[in-house]
PDB file of N, CA and C in Angstrom:
ATOM      1  N   MET A   1     -50.671   5.692 -25.537  1.00  0.00           N
ATOM      2  CA  MET A   1     -50.140   5.674 -24.186  1.00  0.00           C
ATOM      3  C   MET A   1     -48.776   4.968 -24.195  1.00  0.00           C
ATOM      4  N   PRO A   2     -47.746   5.559 -23.559  1.00  0.00           N
ATOM      5  CA  PRO A   2     -46.412   4.964 -23.538  1.00  0.00           C
ATOM      6  C   PRO A   2     -46.415   3.628 -22.796  1.00  0.00           C
ATOM      7  N   ASP A   3     -45.525   2.750 -23.232  1.00  0.00           N
ATOM      8  CA  ASP A   3     -45.363   1.440 -22.600  1.00  0.00           C
ATOM      9  C   ASP A   3     -44.796   1.639 -21.189  1.00  0.00           C
ATOM     10  N   PRO A   4     -45.467   1.120 -20.135  1.00  0.00           N
ATOM     11  CA  PRO A   4     -44.996   1.309 -18.754  1.00  0.00           C
ATOM     12  C   PRO A   4     -43.586   0.768 -18.523  1.00  0.00           C
ATOM     13  N   SER A   5     -43.213  -0.311 -19.207  1.00  0.00           N
ATOM     14  CA  SER A   5     -41.864  -0.852 -18.995  1.00  0.00           C
ATOM     15  C   SER A   5     -40.805   0.112 -19.529  1.00  0.00           C
ATOM     16  N   ASN A   6     -41.091   0.818 -20.624  1.00  0.00           N
ATOM     17  CA  ASN A   6     -40.148   1.812 -21.145  1.00  0.00           C
ATOM     18  C   ASN A   6     -40.014   2.990 -20.195  1.00  0.00           C
ATOM     19  N   ILE A   7     -41.111   3.390 -19.578  1.00  0.00           N
ATOM     20  CA  ILE A   7     -41.075   4.498 -18.613  1.00  0.00           C
ATOM     21  C   ILE A   7     -40.224   4.106 -17.412  1.00  0.00           C
ATOM     22  N   ARG A   8     -40.395   2.876 -16.911  1.00  0.00           N
ATOM     23  CA  ARG A   8     -39.591   2.402 -15.778  1.00  0.00           C
ATOM     24  C   ARG A   8     -38.111   2.368 -16.144  1.00  0.00           C
ATOM     25  N   LEU A   9     -37.807   1.855 -17.327  1.00  0.00           N
ATOM     26  CA  LEU A   9     -36.413   1.801 -17.755  1.00  0.00           C
ATOM     27  C   LEU A   9     -35.814   3.194 -17.881  1.00  0.00           C
ATOM     28  N   ARG A  10     -36.591   4.139 -18.383  1.00  0.00           N
ATOM     29  CA  ARG A  10     -36.114   5.510 -18.518  1.00  0.00           C
ATOM     30  C   ARG A  10     -35.821   6.097 -17.135  1.00  0.00           C
ATOM     31  N   HIS A  11     -36.704   5.844 -16.151  1.00  0.00           N
ATOM     32  CA  HIS A  11     -36.476   6.350 -14.791  1.00  0.00           C
ATOM     33  C   HIS A  11     -35.232   5.711 -14.172  1.00  0.00           C
ATOM     34  N   ILE A  12     -35.067   4.420 -14.400  1.00  0.00           N
ATOM     35  CA  ILE A  12     -33.879   3.741 -13.877  1.00  0.00           C
ATOM     36  C   ILE A  12     -32.624   4.318 -14.521  1.00  0.00           C
ATOM     37  N   ALA A  13     -32.645   4.503 -15.829  1.00  0.00           N
ATOM     38  CA  ALA A  13     -31.489   5.061 -16.537  1.00  0.00           C
ATOM     39  C   ALA A  13     -31.159   6.459 -16.035  1.00  0.00           C
ATOM     40  N   MET A  14     -32.182   7.275 -15.807  1.00  0.00           N
ATOM     41  CA  MET A  14     -31.944   8.638 -15.314  1.00  0.00           C
ATOM     42  C   MET A  14     -31.374   8.601 -13.899  1.00  0.00           C
ATOM     43  N   ALA A  15     -31.880   7.686 -13.063  1.00  0.00           N
ATOM     44  CA  ALA A  15     -31.399   7.594 -11.684  1.00  0.00           C
ATOM     45  C   ALA A  15     -29.953   7.109 -11.631  1.00  0.00           C
ATOM     46  N   LEU A  16     -29.579   6.238 -12.554  1.00  0.00           N
ATOM     47  CA  LEU A  16     -28.232   5.677 -12.545  1.00  0.00           C
ATOM     48  C   LEU A  16     -27.233   6.473 -13.367  1.00  0.00           C
ATOM     49  N   ALA A  17     -27.680   7.456 -14.102  1.00  0.00           N
ATOM     50  CA  ALA A  17     -26.802   8.200 -15.011  1.00  0.00           C
ATOM     51  C   ALA A  17     -25.580   8.772 -14.300  1.00  0.00           C
ATOM     52  N   ALA A  18     -25.741   9.242 -13.082  1.00  0.00           N
ATOM     53  CA  ALA A  18     -24.611   9.827 -12.358  1.00  0.00           C
ATOM     54  C   ALA A  18     -23.598   8.766 -11.943  1.00  0.00           C
ATOM     55  N   SER A  19     -23.992   7.501 -11.952  1.00  0.00           N
ATOM     56  CA  SER A  19     -23.094   6.422 -11.552  1.00  0.00           C
ATOM     57  C   SER A  19     -22.385   5.769 -12.728  1.00  0.00           C
ATOM     58  N   VAL A  20     -22.744   6.141 -13.920  1.00  0.00           N
ATOM     59  CA  VAL A  20     -22.168   5.520 -15.106  1.00  0.00           C
ATOM     60  C   VAL A  20     -20.914   6.274 -15.511  1.00  0.00           C
ATOM     61  N   VAL A  21     -19.855   5.519 -15.791  1.00  0.00           N
ATOM     62  CA  VAL A  21     -18.610   6.131 -16.236  1.00  0.00           C
ATOM     63  C   VAL A  21     -18.206   5.539 -17.573  1.00  0.00           C
ATOM     64  N   LEU A  22     -17.501   6.310 -18.338  1.00  0.00           N
ATOM     65  CA  LEU A  22     -16.945   5.839 -19.596  1.00  0.00           C
ATOM     66  C   LEU A  22     -15.483   5.524 -19.345  1.00  0.00           C
ATOM     67  N   ILE A  23     -15.095   4.308 -19.638  1.00  0.00           N
ATOM     68  CA  ILE A  23     -13.710   3.904 -19.466  1.00  0.00           C
ATOM     69  C   ILE A  23     -13.118   3.711 -20.847  1.00  0.00           C
ATOM     70  N   SER A  24     -12.082   4.474 -21.126  1.00  0.00           N
ATOM     71  CA  SER A  24     -11.406   4.306 -22.405  1.00  0.00           C
ATOM     72  C   SER A  24      -9.914   4.419 -22.169  1.00  0.00           C
ATOM     73  N   THR A  25      -9.161   3.769 -23.010  1.00  0.00           N
ATOM     74  CA  THR A  25      -7.712   3.831 -22.886  1.00  0.00           C
ATOM     75  C   THR A  25      -7.103   4.134 -24.236  1.00  0.00           C
ATOM     76  N   ILE A  26      -5.996   4.811 -24.186  1.00  0.00           N
ATOM     77  CA  ILE A  26      -5.190   5.026 -25.375  1.00  0.00           C
ATOM     78  C   ILE A  26      -3.814   4.525 -24.991  1.00  0.00           C
ATOM     79  N   ALA A  27      -3.380   3.476 -25.644  1.00  0.00           N
ATOM     80  CA  ALA A  27      -2.107   2.877 -25.274  1.00  0.00           C
ATOM     81  C   ALA A  27      -1.262   2.644 -26.508  1.00  0.00           C
ATOM     82  N   ALA A  28       0.002   2.962 -26.364  1.00  0.00           N
ATOM     83  CA  ALA A  28       0.931   2.647 -27.440  1.00  0.00           C
ATOM     84  C   ALA A  28       1.269   1.176 -27.339  1.00  0.00           C
ATOM     85  N   GLY A  29       1.259   0.513 -28.431  1.00  0.00           N
ATOM     86  CA  GLY A  29       1.582  -0.904 -28.427  1.00  0.00           C
ATOM     87  C   GLY A  29       1.803  -1.376 -29.839  1.00  0.00           C
ATOM     88  N   PRO A  30       2.225  -2.601 -29.950  1.00  0.00           N
ATOM     89  CA  PRO A  30       2.438  -3.136 -31.292  1.00  0.00           C
ATOM     90  C   PRO A  30       1.147  -3.090 -32.099  1.00  0.00           C
ATOM     91  N   VAL A  31       1.264  -2.793 -33.368  1.00  0.00           N
ATOM     92  CA  VAL A  31       0.094  -2.710 -34.237  1.00  0.00           C
ATOM     93  C   VAL A  31      -0.634  -4.040 -34.279  1.00  0.00           C
ATOM     94  N   ASN A  32       0.092  -5.134 -34.185  1.00  0.00           N
ATOM     95  CA  ASN A  32      -0.522  -6.445 -34.261  1.00  0.00           C
ATOM     96  C   ASN A  32      -0.908  -7.002 -32.890  1.00  0.00           C
ATOM     97  N   ALA A  33      -0.929  -6.165 -31.867  1.00  0.00           N
ATOM     98  CA  ALA A  33      -1.297  -6.618 -30.527  1.00  0.00           C
ATOM     99  C   ALA A  33      -2.770  -7.008 -30.488  1.00  0.00           C
ATOM    100  N   THR A  34      -3.049  -8.061 -29.734  1.00  0.00           N
ATOM    101  CA  THR A  34      -4.440  -8.463 -29.560  1.00  0.00           C
ATOM    102  C   THR A  34      -5.098  -7.497 -28.586  1.00  0.00           C
ATOM    103  N   PRO A  35      -6.419  -7.442 -28.551  1.00  0.00           N
ATOM    104  CA  PRO A  35      -7.090  -6.537 -27.617  1.00  0.00           C
ATOM    105  C   PRO A  35      -6.707  -6.786 -26.161  1.00  0.00           C
ATOM    106  N   LEU A  36      -6.311  -7.990 -25.817  1.00  0.00           N
ATOM    107  CA  LEU A  36      -5.944  -8.290 -24.436  1.00  0.00           C
ATOM    108  C   LEU A  36      -4.503  -7.910 -24.121  1.00  0.00           C
ATOM    109  N   GLU A  37      -3.615  -7.923 -25.106  1.00  0.00           N
ATOM    110  CA  GLU A  37      -2.200  -7.648 -24.857  1.00  0.00           C
ATOM    111  C   GLU A  37      -1.940  -6.223 -24.388  1.00  0.00           C
ATOM    112  N   ILE A  38      -2.657  -5.261 -24.917  1.00  0.00           N
ATOM    113  CA  ILE A  38      -2.411  -3.863 -24.544  1.00  0.00           C
ATOM    114  C   ILE A  38      -2.732  -3.617 -23.070  1.00  0.00           C
ATOM    115  N   PRO A  39      -3.935  -3.961 -22.563  1.00  0.00           N
ATOM    116  CA  PRO A  39      -4.168  -3.727 -21.135  1.00  0.00           C
ATOM    117  C   PRO A  39      -3.320  -4.624 -20.240  1.00  0.00           C
ATOM    118  N   MET A  40      -2.983  -5.820 -20.692  1.00  0.00           N
ATOM    119  CA  MET A  40      -2.170  -6.711 -19.866  1.00  0.00           C
ATOM    120  C   MET A  40      -0.765  -6.166 -19.661  1.00  0.00           C
ATOM    121  N   ALA A  41      -0.325  -5.257 -20.512  1.00  0.00           N
ATOM    122  CA  ALA A  41       0.980  -4.628 -20.328  1.00  0.00           C
ATOM    123  C   ALA A  41       0.992  -3.730 -19.099  1.00  0.00           C
ATOM    124  N   SER A  42      -0.173  -3.430 -18.549  1.00  0.00           N
ATOM    125  CA  SER A  42      -0.279  -2.595 -17.355  1.00  0.00           C
ATOM    126  C   SER A  42      -0.529  -3.411 -16.101  1.00  0.00           C
ATOM    127  N   VAL A  43      -0.441  -4.730 -16.206  1.00  0.00           N
ATOM    128  CA  VAL A  43      -0.712  -5.613 -15.068  1.00  0.00           C
ATOM    129  C   VAL A  43       0.597  -6.219 -14.581  1.00  0.00           C
ATOM    130  N   PHE A  44       0.763  -6.255 -13.266  1.00  0.00           N
ATOM    131  CA  PHE A  44       1.930  -6.852 -12.627  1.00  0.00           C
ATOM    132  C   PHE A  44       1.490  -8.045 -11.802  1.00  0.00           C
ATOM    133  N   THR A  45       2.389  -8.984 -11.598  1.00  0.00           N
ATOM    134  CA  THR A  45       2.186  -9.941 -10.523  1.00  0.00           C
ATOM    135  C   THR A  45       3.005  -9.426  -9.350  1.00  0.00           C
ATOM    136  N   VAL A  46       2.494  -9.633  -8.164  1.00  0.00           N
ATOM    137  CA  VAL A  46       3.121  -9.130  -6.947  1.00  0.00           C
ATOM    138  C   VAL A  46       3.641 -10.331  -6.159  1.00  0.00           C
ATOM    139  N   HIS A  47       4.930 -10.270  -5.795  1.00  0.00           N
ATOM    140  CA  HIS A  47       5.573 -11.340  -5.032  1.00  0.00           C
ATOM    141  C   HIS A  47       6.234 -10.725  -3.803  1.00  0.00           C
ATOM    142  N   THR A  48       6.570 -11.571  -2.840  1.00  0.00           N
ATOM    143  CA  THR A  48       7.295 -11.076  -1.679  1.00  0.00           C
ATOM    144  C   THR A  48       8.669 -10.593  -2.134  1.00  0.00           C
ATOM    145  N   ALA A  49       9.210  -9.620  -1.424  1.00  0.00           N
ATOM    146  CA  ALA A  49      10.515  -9.057  -1.777  1.00  0.00           C
ATOM    147  C   ALA A  49      11.657  -9.834  -1.123  1.00  0.00           C
ATOM    148  N   ASP A  50      11.326 -10.904  -0.403  1.00  0.00           N
ATOM    149  CA  ASP A  50      12.359 -11.685   0.279  1.00  0.00           C
ATOM    150  C   ASP A  50      12.852 -12.831  -0.610  1.00  0.00           C
ATOM    151  N   ASP A  51      13.668 -13.699  -0.043  1.00  0.00           N
ATOM    152  CA  ASP A  51      14.227 -14.825  -0.796  1.00  0.00           C
ATOM    153  C   ASP A  51      13.177 -15.864  -1.178  1.00  0.00           C
ATOM    154  N   GLN A  52      12.036 -15.872  -0.490  1.00  0.00           N
ATOM    155  CA  GLN A  52      10.992 -16.860  -0.790  1.00  0.00           C
ATOM    156  C   GLN A  52      10.262 -16.535  -2.088  1.00  0.00           C
ATOM    157  N   ASN A  53      10.185 -15.270  -2.459  1.00  0.00           N
ATOM    158  CA  ASN A  53       9.553 -14.833  -3.707  1.00  0.00           C
ATOM    159  C   ASN A  53       8.163 -15.452  -3.893  1.00  0.00           C
ATOM    160  N   ARG A  54       7.355 -15.453  -2.828  1.00  0.00           N
ATOM    161  CA  ARG A  54       6.003 -16.034  -2.886  1.00  0.00           C
ATOM    162  C   ARG A  54       5.063 -15.137  -3.681  1.00  0.00           C
ATOM    163  N   PHE A  55       4.211 -15.757  -4.498  1.00  0.00           N
ATOM    164  CA  PHE A  55       3.189 -15.019  -5.245  1.00  0.00           C
ATOM    165  C   PHE A  55       2.149 -14.497  -4.261  1.00  0.00           C
ATOM    166  N   LEU A  56       1.821 -13.210  -4.367  1.00  0.00           N
ATOM    167  CA  LEU A  56       0.832 -12.599  -3.481  1.00  0.00           C
ATOM    168  C   LEU A  56      -0.450 -12.214  -4.208  1.00  0.00           C
ATOM    169  N   GLY A  57      -0.357 -11.810  -5.465  1.00  0.00           N
ATOM    170  CA  GLY A  57      -1.538 -11.362  -6.200  1.00  0.00           C
ATOM    171  C   GLY A  57      -1.128 -10.566  -7.420  1.00  0.00           C
ATOM    172  N   SER A  58      -1.990  -9.651  -7.823  1.00  0.00           N
ATOM    173  CA  SER A  58      -1.704  -8.827  -8.996  1.00  0.00           C
ATOM    174  C   SER A  58      -1.943  -7.360  -8.661  1.00  0.00           C
ATOM    175  N   ALA A  59      -1.417  -6.489  -9.507  1.00  0.00           N
ATOM    176  CA  ALA A  59      -1.588  -5.045  -9.353  1.00  0.00           C
ATOM    177  C   ALA A  59      -1.674  -4.433 -10.745  1.00  0.00           C
ATOM    178  N   CYS A  60      -2.299  -3.275 -10.838  1.00  0.00           N
ATOM    179  CA  CYS A  60      -2.458  -2.577 -12.119  1.00  0.00           C
ATOM    180  C   CYS A  60      -1.876  -1.180 -12.026  1.00  0.00           C
ATOM    181  N   LEU A  61      -1.259  -0.739 -13.128  1.00  0.00           N
ATOM    182  CA  LEU A  61      -0.770   0.639 -13.179  1.00  0.00           C
ATOM    183  C   LEU A  61      -1.936   1.597 -13.023  1.00  0.00           C
ATOM    184  N   TRP A  62      -1.673   2.718 -12.388  1.00  0.00           N
ATOM    185  CA  TRP A  62      -2.699   3.729 -12.162  1.00  0.00           C
ATOM    186  C   TRP A  62      -2.184   5.056 -12.692  1.00  0.00           C
ATOM    187  N   GLY A  63      -3.052   5.821 -13.302  1.00  0.00           N
ATOM    188  CA  GLY A  63      -2.692   7.163 -13.767  1.00  0.00           C
ATOM    189  C   GLY A  63      -1.583   7.141 -14.796  1.00  0.00           C
ATOM    190  N   GLN A  64      -0.536   7.901 -14.552  1.00  0.00           N
ATOM    191  CA  GLN A  64       0.576   8.021 -15.495  1.00  0.00           C
ATOM    192  C   GLN A  64       1.598   6.896 -15.345  1.00  0.00           C
ATOM    193  N   GLY A  65       1.316   5.920 -14.525  1.00  0.00           N
ATOM    194  CA  GLY A  65       2.211   4.778 -14.380  1.00  0.00           C
ATOM    195  C   GLY A  65       3.233   4.904 -13.281  1.00  0.00           C
ATOM    196  N   ALA A  66       3.125   5.915 -12.442  1.00  0.00           N
ATOM    197  CA  ALA A  66       4.070   6.074 -11.341  1.00  0.00           C
ATOM    198  C   ALA A  66       3.719   5.186 -10.157  1.00  0.00           C
ATOM    199  N   VAL A  67       2.477   4.712 -10.106  1.00  0.00           N
ATOM    200  CA  VAL A  67       2.047   3.829  -9.023  1.00  0.00           C
ATOM    201  C   VAL A  67       1.217   2.682  -9.586  1.00  0.00           C
ATOM    202  N   ALA A  68       1.172   1.614  -8.820  1.00  0.00           N
ATOM    203  CA  ALA A  68       0.306   0.482  -9.133  1.00  0.00           C
ATOM    204  C   ALA A  68      -0.647   0.313  -7.959  1.00  0.00           C
ATOM    205  N   VAL A  69      -1.845  -0.165  -8.248  1.00  0.00           N
ATOM    206  CA  VAL A  69      -2.868  -0.342  -7.223  1.00  0.00           C
ATOM    207  C   VAL A  69      -3.192  -1.825  -7.113  1.00  0.00           C
ATOM    208  N   THR A  70      -3.351  -2.282  -5.883  1.00  0.00           N
ATOM    209  CA  THR A  70      -3.710  -3.665  -5.616  1.00  0.00           C
ATOM    210  C   THR A  70      -4.614  -3.711  -4.393  1.00  0.00           C
ATOM    211  N   ASN A  71      -4.985  -4.911  -3.982  1.00  0.00           N
ATOM    212  CA  ASN A  71      -5.781  -5.065  -2.773  1.00  0.00           C
ATOM    213  C   ASN A  71      -4.866  -5.026  -1.559  1.00  0.00           C
ATOM    214  N   ALA A  72      -5.372  -4.500  -0.450  1.00  0.00           N
ATOM    215  CA  ALA A  72      -4.585  -4.419   0.778  1.00  0.00           C
ATOM    216  C   ALA A  72      -4.178  -5.808   1.258  1.00  0.00           C
ATOM    217  N   TYR A  73      -5.062  -6.789   1.099  1.00  0.00           N
ATOM    218  CA  TYR A  73      -4.717  -8.134   1.563  1.00  0.00           C
ATOM    219  C   TYR A  73      -3.558  -8.725   0.762  1.00  0.00           C
ATOM    220  N   VAL A  74      -3.330  -8.242  -0.463  1.00  0.00           N
ATOM    221  CA  VAL A  74      -2.225  -8.749  -1.280  1.00  0.00           C
ATOM    222  C   VAL A  74      -0.892  -8.379  -0.639  1.00  0.00           C
ATOM    223  N   VAL A  75      -0.741  -7.138  -0.208  1.00  0.00           N
ATOM    224  CA  VAL A  75       0.533  -6.701   0.370  1.00  0.00           C
ATOM    225  C   VAL A  75       0.617  -6.963   1.866  1.00  0.00           C
ATOM    226  N   GLY A  76      -0.528  -7.112   2.528  1.00  0.00           N
ATOM    227  CA  GLY A  76      -0.512  -7.365   3.967  1.00  0.00           C
ATOM    228  C   GLY A  76       0.245  -6.283   4.702  1.00  0.00           C
ATOM    229  N   ASN A  77       1.239  -6.683   5.504  1.00  0.00           N
ATOM    230  CA  ASN A  77       2.056  -5.728   6.260  1.00  0.00           C
ATOM    231  C   ASN A  77       3.382  -5.419   5.575  1.00  0.00           C
ATOM    232  N   ALA A  78       3.557  -5.876   4.351  1.00  0.00           N
ATOM    233  CA  ALA A  78       4.828  -5.677   3.646  1.00  0.00           C
ATOM    234  C   ALA A  78       5.090  -4.197   3.393  1.00  0.00           C
ATOM    235  N   THR A  79       6.351  -3.813   3.481  1.00  0.00           N
ATOM    236  CA  THR A  79       6.744  -2.446   3.134  1.00  0.00           C
ATOM    237  C   THR A  79       7.344  -2.397   1.733  1.00  0.00           C
ATOM    238  N   GLU A  80       7.740  -3.563   1.215  1.00  0.00           N
ATOM    239  CA  GLU A  80       8.258  -3.686  -0.143  1.00  0.00           C
ATOM    240  C   GLU A  80       7.736  -4.980  -0.757  1.00  0.00           C
ATOM    241  N   VAL A  81       7.550  -4.952  -2.063  1.00  0.00           N
ATOM    242  CA  VAL A  81       7.150  -6.145  -2.806  1.00  0.00           C
ATOM    243  C   VAL A  81       7.963  -6.210  -4.092  1.00  0.00           C
ATOM    244  N   ARG A  82       7.950  -7.360  -4.724  1.00  0.00           N
ATOM    245  CA  ARG A  82       8.617  -7.535  -6.014  1.00  0.00           C
ATOM    246  C   ARG A  82       7.536  -7.541  -7.090  1.00  0.00           C
ATOM    247  N   LEU A  83       7.667  -6.660  -8.078  1.00  0.00           N
ATOM    248  CA  LEU A  83       6.697  -6.586  -9.171  1.00  0.00           C
ATOM    249  C   LEU A  83       7.274  -7.269 -10.405  1.00  0.00           C
ATOM    250  N   THR A  84       6.450  -8.058 -11.075  1.00  0.00           N
ATOM    251  CA  THR A  84       6.863  -8.672 -12.334  1.00  0.00           C
ATOM    252  C   THR A  84       5.915  -8.188 -13.407  1.00  0.00           C
ATOM    253  N   ASP A  85       6.461  -7.588 -14.462  1.00  0.00           N
ATOM    254  CA  ASP A  85       5.620  -7.079 -15.546  1.00  0.00           C
ATOM    255  C   ASP A  85       5.707  -8.000 -16.759  1.00  0.00           C
ATOM    256  N   ALA A  86       5.106  -7.582 -17.855  1.00  0.00           N
ATOM    257  CA  ALA A  86       5.059  -8.404 -19.067  1.00  0.00           C
ATOM    258  C   ALA A  86       6.446  -8.688 -19.629  1.00  0.00           C
ATOM    259  N   SER A  87       7.408  -7.814 -19.349  1.00  0.00           N
ATOM    260  CA  SER A  87       8.770  -8.032 -19.848  1.00  0.00           C
ATOM    261  C   SER A  87       9.607  -8.824 -18.849  1.00  0.00           C
ATOM    262  N   VAL A  88       8.998  -9.281 -17.789  1.00  0.00           N
ATOM    263  CA  VAL A  88       9.599 -10.095 -16.741  1.00  0.00           C
ATOM    264  C   VAL A  88      10.629  -9.315 -15.917  1.00  0.00           C
ATOM    265  N   ALA A  89      10.558  -7.999 -15.923  1.00  0.00           N
ATOM    266  CA  ALA A  89      11.380  -7.203 -15.018  1.00  0.00           C
ATOM    267  C   ALA A  89      10.869  -7.453 -13.601  1.00  0.00           C
ATOM    268  N   GLU A  90      11.775  -7.480 -12.619  1.00  0.00           N
ATOM    269  CA  GLU A  90      11.376  -7.777 -11.245  1.00  0.00           C
ATOM    270  C   GLU A  90      11.957  -6.782 -10.246  1.00  0.00           C
ATOM    271  N   PRO A  91      11.608  -5.515 -10.339  1.00  0.00           N
ATOM    272  CA  PRO A  91      12.139  -4.556  -9.369  1.00  0.00           C
ATOM    273  C   PRO A  91      11.466  -4.706  -8.003  1.00  0.00           C
ATOM    274  N   ILE A  92      12.207  -4.330  -6.977  1.00  0.00           N
ATOM    275  CA  ILE A  92      11.635  -4.237  -5.637  1.00  0.00           C
ATOM    276  C   ILE A  92      10.960  -2.874  -5.569  1.00  0.00           C
ATOM    277  N   ALA A  93       9.712  -2.844  -5.129  1.00  0.00           N
ATOM    278  CA  ALA A  93       8.936  -1.602  -5.125  1.00  0.00           C
ATOM    279  C   ALA A  93       8.370  -1.348  -3.733  1.00  0.00           C
ATOM    280  N   PRO A  94       8.446  -0.105  -3.261  1.00  0.00           N
ATOM    281  CA  PRO A  94       7.905   0.208  -1.939  1.00  0.00           C
ATOM    282  C   PRO A  94       6.378   0.300  -1.942  1.00  0.00           C
ATOM    283  N   VAL A  95       5.784  -0.213  -0.877  1.00  0.00           N
ATOM    284  CA  VAL A  95       4.345  -0.048  -0.645  1.00  0.00           C
ATOM    285  C   VAL A  95       4.206   1.265   0.105  1.00  0.00           C
ATOM    286  N   ILE A  96       3.536   2.264  -0.501  1.00  0.00           N
ATOM    287  CA  ILE A  96       3.476   3.582   0.137  1.00  0.00           C
ATOM    288  C   ILE A  96       2.202   3.817   0.916  1.00  0.00           C
ATOM    289  N   GLY A  97       1.228   2.942   0.759  1.00  0.00           N
ATOM    290  CA  GLY A  97       0.000   3.111   1.518  1.00  0.00           C
ATOM    291  C   GLY A  97      -0.881   1.892   1.396  1.00  0.00           C
ATOM    292  N   SER A  98      -1.636   1.642   2.462  1.00  0.00           N
ATOM    293  CA  SER A  98      -2.547   0.509   2.471  1.00  0.00           C
ATOM    294  C   SER A  98      -3.724   0.849   3.370  1.00  0.00           C
ATOM    295  N   ASP A  99      -4.921   0.550   2.914  1.00  0.00           N
ATOM    296  CA  ASP A  99      -6.129   0.791   3.700  1.00  0.00           C
ATOM    297  C   ASP A  99      -6.942  -0.503   3.733  1.00  0.00           C
ATOM    298  N   PRO A 100      -6.752  -1.319   4.771  1.00  0.00           N
ATOM    299  CA  PRO A 100      -7.469  -2.591   4.852  1.00  0.00           C
ATOM    300  C   PRO A 100      -8.990  -2.438   4.869  1.00  0.00           C
ATOM    301  N   SER A 101      -9.505  -1.347   5.416  1.00  0.00           N
ATOM    302  CA  SER A 101     -10.964  -1.184   5.458  1.00  0.00           C
ATOM    303  C   SER A 101     -11.546  -0.993   4.063  1.00  0.00           C
ATOM    304  N   ARG A 102     -10.766  -0.433   3.155  1.00  0.00           N
ATOM    305  CA  ARG A 102     -11.208  -0.276   1.763  1.00  0.00           C
ATOM    306  C   ARG A 102     -10.574  -1.325   0.850  1.00  0.00           C
ATOM    307  N   ASP A 103      -9.697  -2.139   1.429  1.00  0.00           N
ATOM    308  CA  ASP A 103      -8.983  -3.200   0.717  1.00  0.00           C
ATOM    309  C   ASP A 103      -8.253  -2.671  -0.512  1.00  0.00           C
ATOM    310  N   VAL A 104      -7.467  -1.609  -0.295  1.00  0.00           N
ATOM    311  CA  VAL A 104      -6.684  -1.034  -1.393  1.00  0.00           C
ATOM    312  C   VAL A 104      -5.275  -0.717  -0.884  1.00  0.00           C
ATOM    313  N   ALA A 105      -4.294  -0.899  -1.761  1.00  0.00           N
ATOM    314  CA  ALA A 105      -2.910  -0.568  -1.434  1.00  0.00           C
ATOM    315  C   ALA A 105      -2.263   0.059  -2.662  1.00  0.00           C
ATOM    316  N   VAL A 106      -1.267   0.914  -2.415  1.00  0.00           N
ATOM    317  CA  VAL A 106      -0.577   1.624  -3.496  1.00  0.00           C
ATOM    318  C   VAL A 106       0.910   1.291  -3.430  1.00  0.00           C
ATOM    319  N   ILE A 107       1.459   0.944  -4.583  1.00  0.00           N
ATOM    320  CA  ILE A 107       2.862   0.558  -4.716  1.00  0.00           C
ATOM    321  C   ILE A 107       3.514   1.519  -5.711  1.00  0.00           C
ATOM    322  N   VAL A 108       4.697   2.039  -5.376  1.00  0.00           N
ATOM    323  CA  VAL A 108       5.405   2.952  -6.280  1.00  0.00           C
ATOM    324  C   VAL A 108       6.099   2.147  -7.373  1.00  0.00           C
ATOM    325  N   THR A 109       5.977   2.624  -8.604  1.00  0.00           N
ATOM    326  CA  THR A 109       6.728   2.041  -9.722  1.00  0.00           C
ATOM    327  C   THR A 109       7.579   3.148 -10.312  1.00  0.00           C
ATOM    328  N   LYS A 110       8.504   2.804 -11.159  1.00  0.00           N
ATOM    329  CA  LYS A 110       9.294   3.829 -11.840  1.00  0.00           C
ATOM    330  C   LYS A 110       8.406   4.483 -12.890  1.00  0.00           C
ATOM    331  N   PRO A 111       8.257   5.810 -12.887  1.00  0.00           N
ATOM    332  CA  PRO A 111       7.408   6.467 -13.884  1.00  0.00           C
ATOM    333  C   PRO A 111       7.814   6.090 -15.301  1.00  0.00           C
ATOM    334  N   GLY A 112       6.886   5.512 -16.010  1.00  0.00           N
ATOM    335  CA  GLY A 112       7.132   5.131 -17.391  1.00  0.00           C
ATOM    336  C   GLY A 112       8.080   3.963 -17.569  1.00  0.00           C
ATOM    337  N   GLY A 113       8.551   3.393 -16.464  1.00  0.00           N
ATOM    338  CA  GLY A 113       9.539   2.335 -16.579  1.00  0.00           C
ATOM    339  C   GLY A 113       8.973   0.948 -16.728  1.00  0.00           C
ATOM    340  N   LEU A 114       7.853   0.675 -16.102  1.00  0.00           N
ATOM    341  CA  LEU A 114       7.277  -0.668 -16.138  1.00  0.00           C
ATOM    342  C   LEU A 114       5.923  -0.634 -16.792  1.00  0.00           C
ATOM    343  N   GLY A 115       5.487  -1.814 -17.229  1.00  0.00           N
ATOM    344  CA  GLY A 115       4.132  -1.925 -17.756  1.00  0.00           C
ATOM    345  C   GLY A 115       4.095  -1.948 -19.170  1.00  0.00           C
TER     346      GLY A 115
END
């Protein structure tokens, strides 16, 4: 007779199978890069675009790198923010959309330029 705990685990695994995703990345980077350096090249810090340059939060490149995604509360009502990447570039970037109910915002970056 099969072990009941294995049967339960199998049912749970089958029920959750549609919710499981495989996340993999292929990134060009230095051969001697640490496992953390490659994904961190896709992370920005987000600051105000004004003279105060206040830290607001972080954002990550999405898709082909033309946009970065962050939380809506990070950008608030801003229409532009300053992005700082691993190379310390600080372009002013437009916020093209924000959905506070889902707490997500999208910021335009230069395609292939940052990150």
